[in-house]
Amino acid sequence: MATAPFRAGQRKRHSAKAGTVKRSRMHRFWRDQSGGVAMMYAITLPGLIGLAGLGVETGYWYFDKRELQTQADAAALGGAWELAWNRTSHVKPSATNEAVRNGFPNSTLTTIAVTTPPTSGAEAGNANAVEVILTQDYDPLFSGIFRSENITIAARAVATLVASGSACVLALNGTVSDAAETSGSASINAPDCTIAANSTSESAISFSGNGDILFKSAWTHGGIETGNSTAVTLTDGAKTHMWPLKDPYADLNDSAPGGCMPNINIHSGTNNITTSGGIRTVCNNIHVTNGETVDLQPGTYWMKGSSLIAEGGTIKCSTCELGGDGVTFIFTTPNNGNVNQIGTVTINGNATVQLNAPGSGDYKGVLFFQDPDTPTDSNKTANLNGGANTVLNGAIYFPNNEVQWAGNNSLAATCTLIVADTVTFTGSSGLSIDDCASQGVDLAFTQKVALVE
């Protein structure tokens, strides 16, 4: 059988059909999405894993940052606690110990800086504050894609001593029992202030007798003893075995001017003597008895080997004002330099004594000040046996001797602060510190340790 001859047209038709098939297959190939997701994952998965890892690493840093901050806070509090006890050499060891105790890895990859006073921030220069800065280095993991050096995390904390209460009575003696004491039928009404004693004795503060005692709180380096017949109310409770409080007047100048100004001659036959004010050096006693009145002018009275004694009569400053002009009595060494002759103040119950401390100046807020060079002597005790007409506004400061607060001293005083070696109450008294700020009185403050930055 003969084969049909091949025609060119047939070849052309066959070739066109083949080209159409090839184009159709390529079209389908490019439009085919089967396996595209897998390819996309293959391309993007490494990046997704890296981002996830970086997120985990960042979260790890955040968690460690919080841990580091907790450790810095604990360290700052521990250091400030040592400052409260005046143990400055223990500040850094205590801060370091508290950081480690709370999990800080004290190693070659960490640092701890303890500074007092702080060098930056709101508390910079505050000698009662401790600044702690902790750092910790980490080798980068996924973040190493972007940086090669170590990651450093830091935390900073500052703790300081802040006032937590105000003391109207502070006994400075560091060892004796009954440093601050109420006895007999003493009745004390002091709802806004604290009674404090720096003694280490377990009976540093003694509430004895059969009186009614009301204070806001009690604070002592030692302990508190209460008699069975004494009703004691401490609205904010007691703080025992705490650090001693600072003497608010330890740095006050007690250097008297030389010489003696004209003496104040009380017993001169007249019943009313008005003194000149300003700065006055008094080298004889101001001794007032029944029927006599001394109207003092505002100023500073340097009692050089002399005392202020009221056995009846009246001592006042009629031109003095609360928070304004006032009087300060400074009992200091006489011209012969004999500290044993330093005087004191004595007020008996039938006297009228109404005095305000100055609200400004070098001795603002100070009413009675006994030279710290005064030896401890029962003859140097301040006896304040006032009556209903006794009003003493200001600080009563006898750092080496006792203040005896007896009788029925008036509730009219709006700011009375007693700072003495020891303090004894034997009468019915009211003590208030409501208006001390406006009168310029530097109170003794109880303190607490607190984080401030």
Protein backbone atom coordinates (compact mmCIF):
# COMPACT_ATOMS: atom_id res chain seq x y z
CA MET A 1 0.00 0.00 0.00
CA ALA A 2 1.39 3.26 -1.02
CA THR A 3 2.02 5.85 1.64
CA ALA A 4 0.14 9.08 1.29
CA PRO A 5 2.30 11.86 0.24
CA PHE A 6 3.21 14.34 2.95
CA ARG A 7 1.66 17.67 2.50
CA ALA A 8 3.15 20.90 3.75
CA GLY A 9 -0.18 22.10 5.06
CA GLN A 10 -0.48 19.12 7.27
CA ARG A 11 2.93 19.83 8.78
CA LYS A 12 1.98 23.40 9.44
CA ARG A 13 -1.23 22.35 11.16
CA HIS A 14 0.67 19.82 13.32
CA SER A 15 3.33 22.37 14.28
CA ALA A 16 0.72 24.95 15.29
CA LYS A 17 -1.02 22.43 17.48
CA ALA A 18 2.21 21.48 19.20
CA GLY A 19 3.00 25.15 19.94
CA THR A 20 -0.42 25.61 21.43
CA VAL A 21 0.12 22.65 23.73
CA LYS A 22 3.47 23.96 24.87
CA ARG A 23 2.05 27.44 25.64
CA SER A 24 -0.83 25.88 27.52
CA ARG A 25 1.51 23.85 29.68
CA MET A 26 3.67 26.88 30.51
CA HIS A 27 0.58 28.87 31.33
CA ARG A 28 -0.65 26.19 33.64
CA PHE A 29 2.83 25.97 35.20
CA TRP A 30 2.94 29.64 36.01
CA ARG A 31 -0.63 29.65 37.27
CA ASP A 32 -0.22 26.51 39.35
CA GLN A 33 -0.15 27.48 43.13
CA SER A 34 0.31 23.96 44.44
CA GLY A 35 3.23 23.98 46.98
CA GLY A 36 3.48 27.79 47.07
CA VAL A 37 2.80 28.00 50.81
CA ALA A 38 5.55 25.52 51.48
CA MET A 39 7.95 27.59 49.46
CA MET A 40 6.91 30.75 51.29
CA TYR A 41 7.44 29.06 54.64
CA ALA A 42 10.78 27.82 53.50
CA ILE A 43 11.80 31.36 52.69
CA THR A 44 10.31 33.15 55.77
CA LEU A 45 10.61 30.52 58.52
CA PRO A 46 14.20 31.33 59.50
CA GLY A 47 13.24 34.99 59.95
CA LEU A 48 10.15 34.06 61.98
CA ILE A 49 12.21 31.83 64.24
CA GLY A 50 14.74 34.64 64.70
CA LEU A 51 12.06 37.17 65.59
CA ALA A 52 10.44 34.76 68.04
CA GLY A 53 13.79 34.08 69.62
CA LEU A 54 14.53 37.79 69.88
CA GLY A 55 11.15 38.31 71.56
CA VAL A 56 11.89 35.57 74.08
CA GLU A 57 15.33 37.04 74.72
CA THR A 58 13.86 40.52 75.22
CA GLY A 59 11.30 39.13 77.66
CA TYR A 60 14.13 37.44 79.50
CA TRP A 61 15.91 40.80 79.81
CA TYR A 62 12.72 42.44 81.06
CA PHE A 63 12.22 39.77 83.71
CA ASP A 64 15.84 40.09 84.84
CA LYS A 65 15.50 43.89 84.90
CA ARG A 66 12.63 43.57 87.37
CA GLU A 67 14.64 41.14 89.47
CA LEU A 68 17.61 43.49 89.41
CA GLN A 69 15.40 46.40 90.53
CA THR A 70 14.14 44.38 93.49
CA GLN A 71 17.73 43.63 94.46
CA ALA A 72 18.72 47.30 94.13
CA ASP A 73 15.75 48.36 96.30
CA ALA A 74 16.71 45.87 99.01
CA ALA A 75 20.32 47.01 98.89
CA ALA A 76 19.42 50.70 99.24
CA LEU A 77 17.10 50.00 102.18
CA GLY A 78 19.79 47.93 103.89
CA GLY A 79 22.34 50.72 103.49
CA ALA A 80 19.94 53.41 104.74
CA TRP A 81 19.14 51.28 107.79
CA GLU A 82 22.85 51.41 108.71
CA LEU A 83 22.81 55.18 108.32
CA ALA A 84 19.91 55.34 110.75
CA TRP A 85 22.11 53.60 113.31
CA ASN A 86 25.00 55.93 112.43
CA ARG A 87 27.12 52.99 111.26
CA THR A 88 28.49 54.60 108.13
CA SER A 89 31.25 52.01 107.66
CA HIS A 90 28.59 49.30 107.40
CA VAL A 91 26.58 50.94 104.64
CA LYS A 92 28.28 49.32 101.64
CA PRO A 93 28.71 45.82 103.18
CA SER A 94 25.09 45.79 104.30
CA ALA A 95 23.83 47.00 100.91
CA THR A 96 25.89 44.35 99.11
CA ASN A 97 24.69 41.64 101.46
CA GLU A 98 21.03 42.58 100.93
CA ALA A 99 21.45 42.55 97.16
CA VAL A 100 23.05 39.08 97.22
CA ARG A 101 20.48 37.81 99.73
CA ASN A 102 17.77 38.78 97.25
CA GLY A 103 19.39 36.91 94.37
CA PHE A 104 21.98 39.31 92.92
CA PRO A 105 24.75 37.19 91.32
CA ASN A 106 27.84 38.99 92.62
CA SER A 107 30.22 37.85 89.86
CA THR A 108 32.58 39.05 87.13
CA LEU A 109 29.55 39.86 84.96
CA THR A 110 27.97 42.13 87.59
CA THR A 111 28.81 45.39 89.39
CA ILE A 112 27.42 47.10 92.48
CA ALA A 113 28.00 50.76 93.28
CA VAL A 114 26.93 52.10 96.69
CA THR A 115 27.16 55.86 97.23
CA THR A 116 26.26 58.06 100.17
CA PRO A 117 25.31 60.77 99.70
CA PRO A 118 23.88 60.15 96.22
CA THR A 119 25.61 61.91 93.35
CA SER A 120 22.53 62.30 91.15
CA GLY A 121 18.78 62.62 91.31
CA ALA A 122 16.56 64.47 93.75
CA GLU A 123 18.53 63.25 96.79
CA ALA A 124 21.96 64.29 95.49
CA GLY A 125 24.05 65.54 98.41
CA ASN A 126 21.66 64.21 101.08
CA ALA A 127 23.91 62.70 103.76
CA ASN A 128 20.97 60.63 105.03
CA ALA A 129 20.44 58.88 101.68
CA VAL A 130 22.03 55.85 99.99
CA GLU A 131 22.21 55.33 96.21
CA VAL A 132 22.69 51.83 94.78
CA ILE A 133 23.32 51.02 91.10
CA LEU A 134 23.45 47.37 89.99
CA THR A 135 24.51 46.19 86.53
CA GLN A 136 24.58 42.74 84.91
CA ASP A 137 26.05 41.73 81.53
CA TYR A 138 24.59 39.07 79.19
CA ASP A 139 26.06 37.37 76.12
CA PRO A 140 23.72 38.12 73.17
CA LEU A 141 21.81 35.16 71.71
CA PHE A 142 19.45 35.99 68.86
CA SER A 143 20.24 39.66 69.36
CA GLY A 144 23.77 38.82 68.28
CA ILE A 145 22.49 39.15 64.72
CA PHE A 146 22.28 42.88 65.30
CA ARG A 147 25.12 43.49 67.79
CA SER A 148 28.19 41.65 68.92
CA GLU A 149 28.90 43.27 72.29
CA ASN A 150 27.35 42.18 75.60
CA ILE A 151 23.91 43.35 76.69
CA THR A 152 24.05 45.38 79.96
CA ILE A 153 21.02 45.71 82.24
CA ALA A 154 21.08 48.27 85.08
CA ALA A 155 18.87 49.16 88.04
CA ARG A 156 19.08 52.14 90.41
CA ALA A 157 17.50 52.75 93.82
CA VAL A 158 17.77 55.46 96.47
CA ALA A 159 16.63 55.08 100.08
CA THR A 160 16.73 57.71 102.78
CA LEU A 161 15.55 58.55 106.28
CA VAL A 162 12.26 60.41 106.35
CA ALA A 163 10.41 61.83 109.32
CA SER A 164 7.70 59.58 110.66
CA GLY A 165 6.73 61.49 113.78
CA SER A 166 7.60 64.44 116.02
CA ALA A 167 8.91 64.18 119.57
CA CYS A 168 8.00 66.77 122.18
CA VAL A 169 10.16 65.01 124.79
CA LEU A 170 13.65 63.63 124.15
CA ALA A 171 15.92 62.24 126.87
CA LEU A 172 19.47 62.17 125.51
CA ASN A 173 21.20 60.02 128.14
CA GLY A 174 22.38 56.81 126.49
CA THR A 175 22.52 54.38 129.43
CA VAL A 176 20.43 55.22 132.49
CA SER A 177 17.11 53.69 133.45
CA ASP A 178 14.08 55.99 133.72
CA ALA A 179 15.65 58.46 131.31
CA ALA A 180 12.16 59.70 130.46
CA GLU A 181 9.82 59.10 133.38
CA THR A 182 6.36 59.86 134.64
CA SER A 183 5.84 59.31 138.35
CA GLY A 184 3.43 59.94 141.18
CA SER A 185 0.09 61.24 139.98
CA ALA A 186 1.48 62.68 136.76
CA SER A 187 -1.17 63.27 134.15
CA ILE A 188 0.11 64.06 130.67
CA ASN A 189 -2.07 65.08 127.76
CA ALA A 190 0.09 65.13 124.60
CA PRO A 191 -1.99 63.54 121.83
CA ASP A 192 0.06 64.92 118.93
CA CYS A 193 3.62 64.14 120.01
CA THR A 194 6.01 61.33 120.90
CA ILE A 195 8.02 60.74 124.07
CA ALA A 196 11.51 59.49 123.24
CA ALA A 197 14.61 58.26 125.08
CA ASN A 198 18.03 57.35 123.68
CA SER A 199 18.98 55.10 126.60
CA THR A 200 19.73 51.41 125.99
CA SER A 201 18.15 50.46 129.32
CA GLU A 202 15.17 48.12 129.22
CA SER A 203 13.38 50.77 131.28
CA ALA A 204 14.60 53.74 129.27
CA ILE A 205 11.04 55.09 129.34
CA SER A 206 9.20 54.48 132.59
CA PHE A 207 5.50 55.10 133.08
CA SER A 208 5.07 54.69 136.83
CA GLY A 209 2.78 56.04 139.50
CA ASN A 210 -0.98 56.21 139.18
CA GLY A 211 -1.58 58.87 136.57
CA ASP A 212 -3.20 59.01 133.13
CA ILE A 213 -0.68 59.30 130.31
CA LEU A 214 -1.53 60.13 126.69
CA PHE A 215 1.11 60.41 123.99
CA LYS A 216 0.89 59.77 120.28
CA SER A 217 3.76 57.30 120.51
CA ALA A 218 6.89 56.28 122.40
CA TRP A 219 10.30 55.73 120.82
CA THR A 220 13.38 54.37 122.54
CA HIS A 221 16.74 52.78 121.92
CA GLY A 222 15.98 50.52 124.89
CA GLY A 223 12.69 49.35 126.36
CA ILE A 224 9.57 50.66 128.08
CA GLU A 225 8.38 49.86 131.59
CA THR A 226 4.82 50.49 132.71
CA GLY A 227 3.56 50.38 136.29
CA ASN A 228 0.42 48.44 137.10
CA SER A 229 -1.44 51.53 138.31
CA THR A 230 -0.62 53.74 135.35
CA ALA A 231 -3.08 54.19 132.51
CA VAL A 232 -0.99 54.69 129.37
CA THR A 233 -2.41 55.42 125.93
CA LEU A 234 -0.09 55.51 122.92
CA THR A 235 -2.36 56.06 119.93
CA ASP A 236 0.30 55.07 117.38
CA GLY A 237 1.94 52.42 119.56
CA ALA A 238 5.50 52.12 120.81
CA LYS A 239 8.81 51.60 119.02
CA THR A 240 11.44 49.91 121.18
CA HIS A 241 15.07 49.00 120.47
CA MET A 242 15.21 51.60 117.73
CA TRP A 243 18.11 53.85 116.84
CA PRO A 244 18.76 56.94 119.02
CA LEU A 245 17.29 60.21 117.84
CA LYS A 246 19.54 63.09 116.86
CA ASP A 247 19.93 66.08 119.14
CA PRO A 248 18.25 68.92 117.20
CA TYR A 249 20.31 71.62 118.96
CA ALA A 250 23.74 69.98 119.15
CA ASP A 251 25.28 72.49 116.74
CA LEU A 252 23.84 75.65 118.25
CA ASN A 253 26.43 78.30 119.12
CA ASP A 254 26.99 78.80 122.85
CA SER A 255 29.86 81.32 122.80
CA ALA A 256 28.80 84.27 124.91
CA PRO A 257 29.76 87.89 124.22
CA GLY A 258 32.31 89.33 126.61
CA GLY A 259 31.67 91.54 129.63
CA CYS A 260 28.49 92.24 131.55
CA MET A 261 25.82 94.68 130.57
CA PRO A 262 24.20 96.73 133.37
CA ASN A 263 22.63 94.29 135.78
CA ILE A 264 18.90 93.74 135.98
CA ASN A 265 18.28 94.82 139.57
CA ILE A 266 15.00 93.14 140.46
CA HIS A 267 14.97 93.87 144.19
CA SER A 268 15.08 97.63 143.81
CA GLY A 269 11.92 98.57 145.61
CA THR A 270 9.83 99.00 142.46
CA ASN A 271 7.20 96.53 141.40
CA ASN A 272 7.60 96.70 137.64
CA ILE A 273 10.96 96.64 135.91
CA THR A 274 11.27 96.79 132.14
CA THR A 275 14.53 95.61 130.66
CA SER A 276 16.17 96.64 127.45
CA GLY A 277 16.30 94.02 124.72
CA GLY A 278 18.68 93.01 121.95
CA ILE A 279 21.74 91.05 123.10
CA ARG A 280 22.30 91.29 126.81
CA THR A 281 24.89 89.66 129.06
CA VAL A 282 23.46 89.10 132.53
CA CYS A 283 25.95 88.33 135.28
CA ASN A 284 23.56 88.20 138.23
CA ASN A 285 20.41 86.20 138.84
CA ILE A 286 17.04 87.37 137.62
CA HIS A 287 15.14 86.47 140.77
CA VAL A 288 11.48 87.42 141.01
CA THR A 289 9.35 86.98 144.13
CA ASN A 290 5.79 87.86 145.12
CA GLY A 291 4.70 91.33 144.15
CA GLU A 292 7.42 91.80 141.56
CA THR A 293 7.02 91.94 137.80
CA VAL A 294 9.66 91.78 135.11
CA ASP A 295 8.54 92.74 131.63
CA LEU A 296 11.34 91.64 129.31
CA GLN A 297 12.03 93.14 125.94
CA PRO A 298 12.61 90.71 123.04
CA GLY A 299 16.20 89.55 122.66
CA THR A 300 18.89 87.07 123.70
CA TYR A 301 19.82 86.99 127.38
CA TRP A 302 23.24 85.46 128.00
CA MET A 303 23.02 84.28 131.60
CA LYS A 304 26.74 84.21 132.48
CA GLY A 305 26.93 82.20 135.68
CA SER A 306 23.43 83.37 136.58
CA SER A 307 19.98 81.81 136.85
CA LEU A 308 16.38 82.70 136.13
CA ILE A 309 14.29 82.17 139.26
CA ALA A 310 10.57 82.83 139.67
CA GLU A 311 9.32 82.32 143.26
CA GLY A 312 6.05 84.12 142.77
CA GLY A 313 5.62 87.36 140.90
CA THR A 314 5.49 87.68 137.13
CA ILE A 315 8.00 87.25 134.31
CA LYS A 316 6.70 88.09 130.88
CA CYS A 317 7.47 89.70 127.56
CA SER A 318 4.45 91.80 126.72
CA THR A 319 5.75 92.74 123.24
CA CYS A 320 6.66 89.17 122.23
CA GLU A 321 4.48 87.40 119.67
CA LEU A 322 4.15 83.77 118.66
CA GLY A 323 6.36 83.22 115.65
CA GLY A 324 7.69 86.77 115.90
CA ASP A 325 9.79 88.60 118.46
CA GLY A 326 10.68 86.55 121.51
CA VAL A 327 13.25 85.87 124.20
CA THR A 328 16.03 83.29 124.57
CA PHE A 329 17.86 82.57 127.82
CA ILE A 330 21.29 80.96 127.38
CA PHE A 331 22.81 79.68 130.64
CA THR A 332 26.53 79.68 130.10
CA THR A 333 29.97 80.11 131.66
CA PRO A 334 30.68 83.25 133.69
CA ASN A 335 33.58 85.53 132.86
CA ASN A 336 35.88 83.58 135.16
CA GLY A 337 35.46 80.46 132.97
CA ASN A 338 34.18 78.25 135.80
CA VAL A 339 31.67 75.84 134.21
CA ASN A 340 30.54 74.77 137.68
CA GLN A 341 28.89 78.16 138.07
CA ILE A 342 26.66 77.83 135.01
CA GLY A 343 23.08 78.58 136.04
CA THR A 344 19.64 77.14 135.39
CA VAL A 345 15.94 78.02 135.49
CA THR A 346 13.54 77.52 138.38
CA ILE A 347 9.83 78.29 138.24
CA ASN A 348 7.63 77.67 141.26
CA GLY A 349 3.92 77.00 141.15
CA ASN A 350 2.66 80.37 142.36
CA ALA A 351 4.57 82.35 139.75
CA THR A 352 3.18 83.72 136.51
CA VAL A 353 5.62 83.08 133.68
CA GLN A 354 4.53 83.67 130.10
CA LEU A 355 7.34 83.57 127.56
CA ASN A 356 7.66 82.96 123.82
CA ALA A 357 10.82 82.01 121.96
CA PRO A 358 11.77 84.09 118.90
CA GLY A 359 10.45 82.93 115.53
CA SER A 360 13.60 83.89 113.64
CA GLY A 361 17.29 84.60 114.12
CA ASP A 362 20.18 82.46 115.36
CA TYR A 363 18.16 81.09 118.28
CA LYS A 364 14.77 80.81 116.66
CA GLY A 365 12.44 78.54 118.55
CA VAL A 366 14.78 78.29 121.59
CA LEU A 367 13.46 79.50 124.93
CA PHE A 368 15.91 78.01 127.47
CA PHE A 369 19.36 76.74 126.47
CA GLN A 370 21.94 75.39 128.91
CA ASP A 371 25.55 75.26 127.72
CA PRO A 372 26.58 71.67 126.81
CA ASP A 373 29.75 72.26 128.88
CA THR A 374 27.63 72.30 132.02
CA PRO A 375 28.62 69.39 134.30
CA THR A 376 25.95 66.92 135.36
CA ASP A 377 24.81 68.28 138.70
CA SER A 378 21.54 68.16 140.61
CA ASN A 379 21.97 71.89 141.28
CA LYS A 380 21.80 72.50 137.53
CA THR A 381 18.41 70.81 137.10
CA ALA A 382 15.71 72.86 135.42
CA ASN A 383 12.72 72.86 137.78
CA LEU A 384 9.59 73.86 135.92
CA ASN A 385 6.94 73.61 138.62
CA GLY A 386 4.51 75.88 136.91
CA GLY A 387 0.89 76.56 137.55
CA ALA A 388 -2.10 77.50 135.47
CA ASN A 389 -0.44 80.79 134.55
CA THR A 390 2.77 79.24 133.23
CA VAL A 391 3.00 79.32 129.43
CA LEU A 392 6.34 78.37 127.88
CA ASN A 393 6.43 78.36 124.08
CA GLY A 394 9.68 77.08 122.60
CA ALA A 395 12.46 74.56 123.12
CA ILE A 396 13.77 73.80 126.60
CA TYR A 397 17.29 72.43 126.12
CA PHE A 398 19.43 71.00 128.95
CA PRO A 399 21.68 68.40 127.28
CA ASN A 400 23.65 67.40 130.38
CA ASN A 401 21.08 67.87 133.10
CA GLU A 402 17.57 66.95 134.11
CA VAL A 403 14.37 68.79 133.39
CA GLN A 404 11.71 68.28 136.05
CA TRP A 405 8.28 69.16 134.72
CA ALA A 406 5.95 69.36 137.69
CA GLY A 407 2.85 71.12 138.92
CA ASN A 408 -0.06 71.95 136.68
CA ASN A 409 1.56 73.58 133.69
CA SER A 410 -0.87 75.28 131.37
CA LEU A 411 -2.34 73.77 128.23
CA ALA A 412 -2.14 77.22 126.63
CA ALA A 413 1.33 76.68 125.18
CA THR A 414 1.08 75.68 121.52
CA CYS A 415 4.67 74.46 121.15
CA THR A 416 6.77 73.06 123.98
CA LEU A 417 9.77 70.86 123.24
CA ILE A 418 11.86 69.36 126.06
CA VAL A 419 15.32 68.03 125.17
CA ALA A 420 17.43 67.12 128.19
CA ASP A 421 19.77 64.52 129.62
CA THR A 422 16.79 63.10 131.51
CA VAL A 423 13.16 64.24 131.86
CA THR A 424 10.80 63.64 134.77
CA PHE A 425 7.08 64.46 134.91
CA THR A 426 5.38 64.63 138.29
CA GLY A 427 2.37 66.85 137.73
CA SER A 428 -0.57 67.39 135.43
CA SER A 429 0.63 68.86 132.18
CA GLY A 430 -0.34 69.44 128.63
CA LEU A 431 2.27 69.37 125.88
CA SER A 432 1.50 70.45 122.36
CA ILE A 433 3.54 70.77 119.17
CA ASP A 434 0.67 71.93 116.98
CA ASP A 435 2.21 75.29 116.17
CA CYS A 436 5.94 74.51 116.26
CA ALA A 437 6.54 75.02 112.54
CA SER A 438 5.30 78.62 112.56
CA GLN A 439 7.31 79.32 115.74
CA GLY A 440 10.58 78.07 114.26
CA VAL A 441 11.09 75.23 116.72
CA ASP A 442 13.36 72.44 115.45
CA LEU A 443 11.63 69.32 116.66
CA ALA A 444 13.28 65.98 117.29
CA PHE A 445 11.94 63.64 114.62
CA THR A 446 11.40 59.94 114.72
CA GLN A 447 12.37 58.45 111.39
CA LYS A 448 11.71 55.56 109.07
CA VAL A 449 13.70 54.18 106.16
CA ALA A 450 11.96 54.60 102.80
CA LEU A 451 12.63 54.23 99.10
CA VAL A 452 12.41 57.62 97.39
CA GLU A 453 13.89 56.93 93.94
